[in-house]
Amino acid sequence: MTRTGTGRSTRWKDLTPGQQTALLTLASVQVSLAATAWADLALRPAEEVNGSKGKWAAIIAINFVGPVLYFRRGIRR
C-alpha cells in the first residue's frame, strides 16, 4: 500500500488494470533478477567474486539495484 497526498492508502483494488499489470511486471523482473543473481553467486567460486559472498548475498536483496550491482561489480573479469 502506498500513501496518497490525502494520507489515504492505495489498495490493490483501487489501481487500474494497467497499473496492476505494471506492478506485477516490475515485481516479476525484480524476483527474476534476484533469483538469477543468487543462483550465479551460489555456483560461482569465491575467488571469482569481488568481496565476500555473504556481502553480495545481502546486497542482491536490495530492489533492482542489488542484482545489477552484483553483475556489474561483484564478478571478477
PDB file of N, CA and C in Angstrom:
ATOM      1  N   MET A   1       0.846  -1.177   0.000  1.00  0.00           N
ATOM      2  CA  MET A   1       0.000   0.000   0.000  1.00  0.00           C
ATOM      3  C   MET A   1       0.889   1.237   0.000  1.00  0.00           C
ATOM      4  N   THR A   2       0.492   2.222  -0.744  1.00  0.00           N
ATOM      5  CA  THR A   2       1.224   3.473  -0.780  1.00  0.00           C
ATOM      6  C   THR A   2       0.331   4.584  -0.264  1.00  0.00           C
ATOM      7  N   ARG A   3       0.951   5.645   0.149  1.00  0.00           N
ATOM      8  CA  ARG A   3       0.207   6.789   0.658  1.00  0.00           C
ATOM      9  C   ARG A   3      -0.068   7.767  -0.473  1.00  0.00           C
ATOM     10  N   THR A   4      -1.253   8.309  -0.471  1.00  0.00           N
ATOM     11  CA  THR A   4      -1.591   9.345  -1.436  1.00  0.00           C
ATOM     12  C   THR A   4      -1.439  10.689  -0.745  1.00  0.00           C
ATOM     13  N   GLY A   5      -1.604  11.745  -1.483  1.00  0.00           N
ATOM     14  CA  GLY A   5      -1.495  13.083  -0.908  1.00  0.00           C
ATOM     15  C   GLY A   5      -2.525  13.342   0.176  1.00  0.00           C
ATOM     16  N   THR A   6      -3.600  12.567   0.217  1.00  0.00           N
ATOM     17  CA  THR A   6      -4.654  12.771   1.202  1.00  0.00           C
ATOM     18  C   THR A   6      -4.393  11.990   2.491  1.00  0.00           C
ATOM     19  N   GLY A   7      -3.274  11.233   2.542  1.00  0.00           N
ATOM     20  CA  GLY A   7      -2.985  10.433   3.716  1.00  0.00           C
ATOM     21  C   GLY A   7      -3.670   9.079   3.687  1.00  0.00           C
ATOM     22  N   ARG A   8      -4.392   8.799   2.614  1.00  0.00           N
ATOM     23  CA  ARG A   8      -5.111   7.545   2.460  1.00  0.00           C
ATOM     24  C   ARG A   8      -4.232   6.528   1.744  1.00  0.00           C
ATOM     25  N   SER A   9      -4.273   5.280   2.140  1.00  0.00           N
ATOM     26  CA  SER A   9      -3.504   4.225   1.484  1.00  0.00           C
ATOM     27  C   SER A   9      -4.189   3.791   0.199  1.00  0.00           C
ATOM     28  N   THR A  10      -3.380   3.503  -0.819  1.00  0.00           N
ATOM     29  CA  THR A  10      -3.911   2.973  -2.068  1.00  0.00           C
ATOM     30  C   THR A  10      -3.934   1.461  -1.974  1.00  0.00           C
ATOM     31  N   ARG A  11      -5.049   0.868  -2.259  1.00  0.00           N
ATOM     32  CA  ARG A  11      -5.194  -0.580  -2.204  1.00  0.00           C
ATOM     33  C   ARG A  11      -5.144  -1.154  -3.617  1.00  0.00           C
ATOM     34  N   TRP A  12      -4.860  -2.453  -3.683  1.00  0.00           N
ATOM     35  CA  TRP A  12      -4.758  -3.144  -4.962  1.00  0.00           C
ATOM     36  C   TRP A  12      -6.001  -2.900  -5.827  1.00  0.00           C
ATOM     37  N   LYS A  13      -7.157  -2.998  -5.219  1.00  0.00           N
ATOM     38  CA  LYS A  13      -8.403  -2.848  -5.980  1.00  0.00           C
ATOM     39  C   LYS A  13      -8.606  -1.426  -6.499  1.00  0.00           C
ATOM     40  N   ASP A  14      -7.899  -0.455  -5.907  1.00  0.00           N
ATOM     41  CA  ASP A  14      -8.017   0.935  -6.354  1.00  0.00           C
ATOM     42  C   ASP A  14      -7.154   1.223  -7.581  1.00  0.00           C
ATOM     43  N   LEU A  15      -6.228   0.327  -7.893  1.00  0.00           N
ATOM     44  CA  LEU A  15      -5.362   0.522  -9.048  1.00  0.00           C
ATOM     45  C   LEU A  15      -6.097   0.152 -10.329  1.00  0.00           C
ATOM     46  N   THR A  16      -5.745   0.833 -11.407  1.00  0.00           N
ATOM     47  CA  THR A  16      -6.327   0.481 -12.701  1.00  0.00           C
ATOM     48  C   THR A  16      -5.703  -0.836 -13.163  1.00  0.00           C
ATOM     49  N   PRO A  17      -6.351  -1.527 -14.095  1.00  0.00           N
ATOM     50  CA  PRO A  17      -5.757  -2.764 -14.624  1.00  0.00           C
ATOM     51  C   PRO A  17      -4.354  -2.533 -15.193  1.00  0.00           C
ATOM     52  N   GLY A  18      -4.130  -1.403 -15.828  1.00  0.00           N
ATOM     53  CA  GLY A  18      -2.802  -1.089 -16.353  1.00  0.00           C
ATOM     54  C   GLY A  18      -1.765  -0.933 -15.246  1.00  0.00           C
ATOM     55  N   GLN A  19      -2.149  -0.288 -14.157  1.00  0.00           N
ATOM     56  CA  GLN A  19      -1.242  -0.124 -13.021  1.00  0.00           C
ATOM     57  C   GLN A  19      -0.953  -1.474 -12.366  1.00  0.00           C
ATOM     58  N   GLN A  20      -1.967  -2.314 -12.247  1.00  0.00           N
ATOM     59  CA  GLN A  20      -1.769  -3.642 -11.676  1.00  0.00           C
ATOM     60  C   GLN A  20      -0.811  -4.453 -12.537  1.00  0.00           C
ATOM     61  N   THR A  21      -0.986  -4.390 -13.849  1.00  0.00           N
ATOM     62  CA  THR A  21      -0.109  -5.116 -14.775  1.00  0.00           C
ATOM     63  C   THR A  21       1.328  -4.611 -14.661  1.00  0.00           C
ATOM     64  N   ALA A  22       1.491  -3.300 -14.617  1.00  0.00           N
ATOM     65  CA  ALA A  22       2.834  -2.712 -14.497  1.00  0.00           C
ATOM     66  C   ALA A  22       3.498  -3.146 -13.192  1.00  0.00           C
ATOM     67  N   LEU A  23       2.747  -3.126 -12.112  1.00  0.00           N
ATOM     68  CA  LEU A  23       3.292  -3.518 -10.815  1.00  0.00           C
ATOM     69  C   LEU A  23       3.696  -4.993 -10.799  1.00  0.00           C
ATOM     70  N   LEU A  24       2.853  -5.851 -11.365  1.00  0.00           N
ATOM     71  CA  LEU A  24       3.176  -7.281 -11.429  1.00  0.00           C
ATOM     72  C   LEU A  24       4.379  -7.537 -12.335  1.00  0.00           C
ATOM     73  N   THR A  25       4.484  -6.799 -13.419  1.00  0.00           N
ATOM     74  CA  THR A  25       5.626  -6.947 -14.326  1.00  0.00           C
ATOM     75  C   THR A  25       6.914  -6.538 -13.628  1.00  0.00           C
ATOM     76  N   LEU A  26       6.906  -5.391 -12.957  1.00  0.00           N
ATOM     77  CA  LEU A  26       8.095  -4.934 -12.226  1.00  0.00           C
ATOM     78  C   LEU A  26       8.482  -5.912 -11.115  1.00  0.00           C
ATOM     79  N   ALA A  27       7.492  -6.433 -10.417  1.00  0.00           N
ATOM     80  CA  ALA A  27       7.779  -7.408  -9.356  1.00  0.00           C
ATOM     81  C   ALA A  27       8.384  -8.679  -9.942  1.00  0.00           C
ATOM     82  N   SER A  28       7.880  -9.124 -11.084  1.00  0.00           N
ATOM     83  CA  SER A  28       8.426 -10.320 -11.737  1.00  0.00           C
ATOM     84  C   SER A  28       9.873 -10.103 -12.172  1.00  0.00           C
ATOM     85  N   VAL A  29      10.149  -8.935 -12.723  1.00  0.00           N
ATOM     86  CA  VAL A  29      11.521  -8.614 -13.141  1.00  0.00           C
ATOM     87  C   VAL A  29      12.446  -8.601 -11.927  1.00  0.00           C
ATOM     88  N   GLN A  30      12.000  -7.987 -10.828  1.00  0.00           N
ATOM     89  CA  GLN A  30      12.822  -7.923  -9.622  1.00  0.00           C
ATOM     90  C   GLN A  30      13.126  -9.315  -9.082  1.00  0.00           C
ATOM     91  N   VAL A  31      12.113 -10.156  -8.988  1.00  0.00           N
ATOM     92  CA  VAL A  31      12.308 -11.511  -8.461  1.00  0.00           C
ATOM     93  C   VAL A  31      13.230 -12.312  -9.387  1.00  0.00           C
ATOM     94  N   SER A  32      13.038 -12.160 -10.689  1.00  0.00           N
ATOM     95  CA  SER A  32      13.889 -12.876 -11.653  1.00  0.00           C
ATOM     96  C   SER A  32      15.343 -12.430 -11.563  1.00  0.00           C
ATOM     97  N   LEU A  33      15.564 -11.123 -11.477  1.00  0.00           N
ATOM     98  CA  LEU A  33      16.930 -10.605 -11.337  1.00  0.00           C
ATOM     99  C   LEU A  33      17.591 -11.141 -10.066  1.00  0.00           C
ATOM    100  N   ALA A  34      16.876 -11.064  -8.960  1.00  0.00           N
ATOM    101  CA  ALA A  34      17.441 -11.508  -7.689  1.00  0.00           C
ATOM    102  C   ALA A  34      17.716 -13.010  -7.704  1.00  0.00           C
ATOM    103  N   ALA A  35      16.792 -13.800  -8.206  1.00  0.00           N
ATOM    104  CA  ALA A  35      16.985 -15.258  -8.244  1.00  0.00           C
ATOM    105  C   ALA A  35      18.169 -15.629  -9.132  1.00  0.00           C
ATOM    106  N   THR A  36      18.297 -14.958 -10.273  1.00  0.00           N
ATOM    107  CA  THR A  36      19.412 -15.226 -11.173  1.00  0.00           C
ATOM    108  C   THR A  36      20.736 -14.846 -10.529  1.00  0.00           C
ATOM    109  N   ALA A  37      20.768 -13.702  -9.865  1.00  0.00           N
ATOM    110  CA  ALA A  37      21.996 -13.257  -9.207  1.00  0.00           C
ATOM    111  C   ALA A  37      22.376 -14.197  -8.061  1.00  0.00           C
ATOM    112  N   TRP A  38      21.405 -14.605  -7.245  1.00  0.00           N
ATOM    113  CA  TRP A  38      21.706 -15.526  -6.136  1.00  0.00           C
ATOM    114  C   TRP A  38      22.171 -16.882  -6.649  1.00  0.00           C
ATOM    115  N   ALA A  39      21.559 -17.362  -7.719  1.00  0.00           N
ATOM    116  CA  ALA A  39      21.990 -18.642  -8.303  1.00  0.00           C
ATOM    117  C   ALA A  39      23.416 -18.534  -8.827  1.00  0.00           C
ATOM    118  N   ASP A  40      23.713 -17.454  -9.523  1.00  0.00           N
ATOM    119  CA  ASP A  40      25.062 -17.244 -10.038  1.00  0.00           C
ATOM    120  C   ASP A  40      26.071 -17.167  -8.889  1.00  0.00           C
ATOM    121  N   LEU A  41      25.708 -16.423  -7.852  1.00  0.00           N
ATOM    122  CA  LEU A  41      26.595 -16.281  -6.695  1.00  0.00           C
ATOM    123  C   LEU A  41      26.847 -17.629  -6.026  1.00  0.00           C
ATOM    124  N   ALA A  42      25.821 -18.439  -5.909  1.00  0.00           N
ATOM    125  CA  ALA A  42      25.960 -19.743  -5.254  1.00  0.00           C
ATOM    126  C   ALA A  42      26.859 -20.683  -6.048  1.00  0.00           C
ATOM    127  N   LEU A  43      26.788 -20.595  -7.359  1.00  0.00           N
ATOM    128  CA  LEU A  43      27.548 -21.512  -8.210  1.00  0.00           C
ATOM    129  C   LEU A  43      28.946 -21.008  -8.566  1.00  0.00           C
ATOM    130  N   ARG A  44      29.181 -19.729  -8.404  1.00  0.00           N
ATOM    131  CA  ARG A  44      30.468 -19.135  -8.766  1.00  0.00           C
ATOM    132  C   ARG A  44      31.493 -19.357  -7.652  1.00  0.00           C
ATOM    133  N   PRO A  45      32.712 -19.788  -7.993  1.00  0.00           N
ATOM    134  CA  PRO A  45      33.760 -19.941  -6.970  1.00  0.00           C
ATOM    135  C   PRO A  45      34.062 -18.601  -6.287  1.00  0.00           C
ATOM    136  N   ALA A  46      34.379 -18.665  -5.003  1.00  0.00           N
ATOM    137  CA  ALA A  46      34.615 -17.451  -4.217  1.00  0.00           C
ATOM    138  C   ALA A  46      35.721 -16.583  -4.803  1.00  0.00           C
ATOM    139  N   GLU A  47      36.726 -17.199  -5.426  1.00  0.00           N
ATOM    140  CA  GLU A  47      37.823 -16.410  -5.976  1.00  0.00           C
ATOM    141  C   GLU A  47      37.417 -15.611  -7.216  1.00  0.00           C
ATOM    142  N   GLU A  48      36.247 -15.869  -7.754  1.00  0.00           N
ATOM    143  CA  GLU A  48      35.746 -15.108  -8.899  1.00  0.00           C
ATOM    144  C   GLU A  48      34.770 -14.007  -8.487  1.00  0.00           C
ATOM    145  N   VAL A  49      34.627 -13.793  -7.177  1.00  0.00           N
ATOM    146  CA  VAL A  49      33.709 -12.783  -6.656  1.00  0.00           C
ATOM    147  C   VAL A  49      34.524 -11.692  -5.970  1.00  0.00           C
ATOM    148  N   ASN A  50      34.223 -10.441  -6.295  1.00  0.00           N
ATOM    149  CA  ASN A  50      34.873  -9.304  -5.629  1.00  0.00           C
ATOM    150  C   ASN A  50      34.240  -9.114  -4.255  1.00  0.00           C
ATOM    151  N   GLY A  51      34.969  -9.420  -3.200  1.00  0.00           N
ATOM    152  CA  GLY A  51      34.437  -9.326  -1.850  1.00  0.00           C
ATOM    153  C   GLY A  51      33.856 -10.650  -1.400  1.00  0.00           C
ATOM    154  N   SER A  52      33.189 -10.602  -0.263  1.00  0.00           N
ATOM    155  CA  SER A  52      32.653 -11.846   0.301  1.00  0.00           C
ATOM    156  C   SER A  52      31.299 -12.194  -0.314  1.00  0.00           C
ATOM    157  N   LYS A  53      31.057 -13.476  -0.407  1.00  0.00           N
ATOM    158  CA  LYS A  53      29.778 -13.943  -0.937  1.00  0.00           C
ATOM    159  C   LYS A  53      28.621 -13.523  -0.026  1.00  0.00           C
ATOM    160  N   GLY A  54      28.855 -13.510   1.277  1.00  0.00           N
ATOM    161  CA  GLY A  54      27.807 -13.098   2.215  1.00  0.00           C
ATOM    162  C   GLY A  54      27.383 -11.657   1.993  1.00  0.00           C
ATOM    163  N   LYS A  55      28.369 -10.796   1.755  1.00  0.00           N
ATOM    164  CA  LYS A  55      28.075  -9.387   1.495  1.00  0.00           C
ATOM    165  C   LYS A  55      27.238  -9.256   0.230  1.00  0.00           C
ATOM    166  N   TRP A  56      27.631  -9.961  -0.824  1.00  0.00           N
ATOM    167  CA  TRP A  56      26.895  -9.871  -2.084  1.00  0.00           C
ATOM    168  C   TRP A  56      25.502 -10.477  -1.966  1.00  0.00           C
ATOM    169  N   ALA A  57      25.348 -11.525  -1.183  1.00  0.00           N
ATOM    170  CA  ALA A  57      24.019 -12.119  -0.990  1.00  0.00           C
ATOM    171  C   ALA A  57      23.065 -11.092  -0.374  1.00  0.00           C
ATOM    172  N   ALA A  58      23.571 -10.301   0.575  1.00  0.00           N
ATOM    173  CA  ALA A  58      22.743  -9.265   1.207  1.00  0.00           C
ATOM    174  C   ALA A  58      22.467  -8.115   0.234  1.00  0.00           C
ATOM    175  N   ILE A  59      23.468  -7.715  -0.538  1.00  0.00           N
ATOM    176  CA  ILE A  59      23.301  -6.612  -1.488  1.00  0.00           C
ATOM    177  C   ILE A  59      22.279  -6.974  -2.555  1.00  0.00           C
ATOM    178  N   ILE A  60      22.293  -8.214  -3.006  1.00  0.00           N
ATOM    179  CA  ILE A  60      21.351  -8.652  -4.043  1.00  0.00           C
ATOM    180  C   ILE A  60      19.902  -8.460  -3.596  1.00  0.00           C
ATOM    181  N   ALA A  61      19.651  -8.499  -2.297  1.00  0.00           N
ATOM    182  CA  ALA A  61      18.287  -8.346  -1.780  1.00  0.00           C
ATOM    183  C   ALA A  61      17.737  -6.929  -1.962  1.00  0.00           C
ATOM    184  N   ILE A  62      18.592  -5.965  -2.283  1.00  0.00           N
ATOM    185  CA  ILE A  62      18.142  -4.584  -2.487  1.00  0.00           C
ATOM    186  C   ILE A  62      17.457  -4.498  -3.850  1.00  0.00           C
ATOM    187  N   ASN A  63      16.226  -4.025  -3.867  1.00  0.00           N
ATOM    188  CA  ASN A  63      15.424  -3.991  -5.102  1.00  0.00           C
ATOM    189  C   ASN A  63      16.180  -3.428  -6.287  1.00  0.00           C
ATOM    190  N   PHE A  64      16.150  -4.144  -7.380  1.00  0.00           N
ATOM    191  CA  PHE A  64      16.730  -3.807  -8.667  1.00  0.00           C
ATOM    192  C   PHE A  64      18.209  -3.445  -8.586  1.00  0.00           C
ATOM    193  N   VAL A  65      18.558  -2.566  -7.689  1.00  0.00           N
ATOM    194  CA  VAL A  65      19.934  -2.073  -7.603  1.00  0.00           C
ATOM    195  C   VAL A  65      20.897  -3.193  -7.224  1.00  0.00           C
ATOM    196  N   GLY A  66      20.536  -4.023  -6.283  1.00  0.00           N
ATOM    197  CA  GLY A  66      21.416  -5.077  -5.787  1.00  0.00           C
ATOM    198  C   GLY A  66      21.855  -6.071  -6.853  1.00  0.00           C
ATOM    199  N   PRO A  67      20.919  -6.689  -7.570  1.00  0.00           N
ATOM    200  CA  PRO A  67      21.333  -7.624  -8.615  1.00  0.00           C
ATOM    201  C   PRO A  67      22.162  -6.962  -9.718  1.00  0.00           C
ATOM    202  N   VAL A  68      21.786  -5.753 -10.093  1.00  0.00           N
ATOM    203  CA  VAL A  68      22.546  -5.040 -11.135  1.00  0.00           C
ATOM    204  C   VAL A  68      23.959  -4.760 -10.646  1.00  0.00           C
ATOM    205  N   LEU A  69      24.099  -4.312  -9.406  1.00  0.00           N
ATOM    206  CA  LEU A  69      25.439  -4.082  -8.839  1.00  0.00           C
ATOM    207  C   LEU A  69      26.256  -5.363  -8.824  1.00  0.00           C
ATOM    208  N   TYR A  70      25.625  -6.466  -8.457  1.00  0.00           N
ATOM    209  CA  TYR A  70      26.344  -7.737  -8.415  1.00  0.00           C
ATOM    210  C   TYR A  70      26.900  -8.087  -9.795  1.00  0.00           C
ATOM    211  N   PHE A  71      26.055  -8.004 -10.814  1.00  0.00           N
ATOM    212  CA  PHE A  71      26.509  -8.357 -12.160  1.00  0.00           C
ATOM    213  C   PHE A  71      27.513  -7.353 -12.718  1.00  0.00           C
ATOM    214  N   ARG A  72      27.449  -6.104 -12.282  1.00  0.00           N
ATOM    215  CA  ARG A  72      28.392  -5.096 -12.786  1.00  0.00           C
ATOM    216  C   ARG A  72      29.701  -5.043 -11.997  1.00  0.00           C
ATOM    217  N   ARG A  73      29.609  -5.203 -10.664  1.00  0.00           N
ATOM    218  CA  ARG A  73      30.788  -5.014  -9.805  1.00  0.00           C
ATOM    219  C   ARG A  73      31.225  -6.236  -9.018  1.00  0.00           C
ATOM    220  N   GLY A  74      30.328  -7.186  -8.841  1.00  0.00           N
ATOM    221  CA  GLY A  74      30.624  -8.309  -7.966  1.00  0.00           C
ATOM    222  C   GLY A  74      31.390  -9.452  -8.594  1.00  0.00           C
ATOM    223  N   ILE A  75      31.374  -9.522  -9.914  1.00  0.00           N
ATOM    224  CA  ILE A  75      32.040 -10.629 -10.597  1.00  0.00           C
ATOM    225  C   ILE A  75      33.388 -10.160 -11.131  1.00  0.00           C
ATOM    226  N   ARG A  76      34.436 -10.910 -10.810  1.00  0.00           N
ATOM    227  CA  ARG A  76      35.771 -10.584 -11.336  1.00  0.00           C
ATOM    228  C   ARG A  76      35.835 -10.949 -12.809  1.00  0.00           C
ATOM    229  N   ARG A  77      36.372 -10.058 -13.568  1.00  0.00           N
ATOM    230  CA  ARG A  77      36.532 -10.299 -15.007  1.00  0.00           C
ATOM    231  C   ARG A  77      37.978 -10.251 -15.375  1.00  0.00           C
TER     232      ARG A  77
END
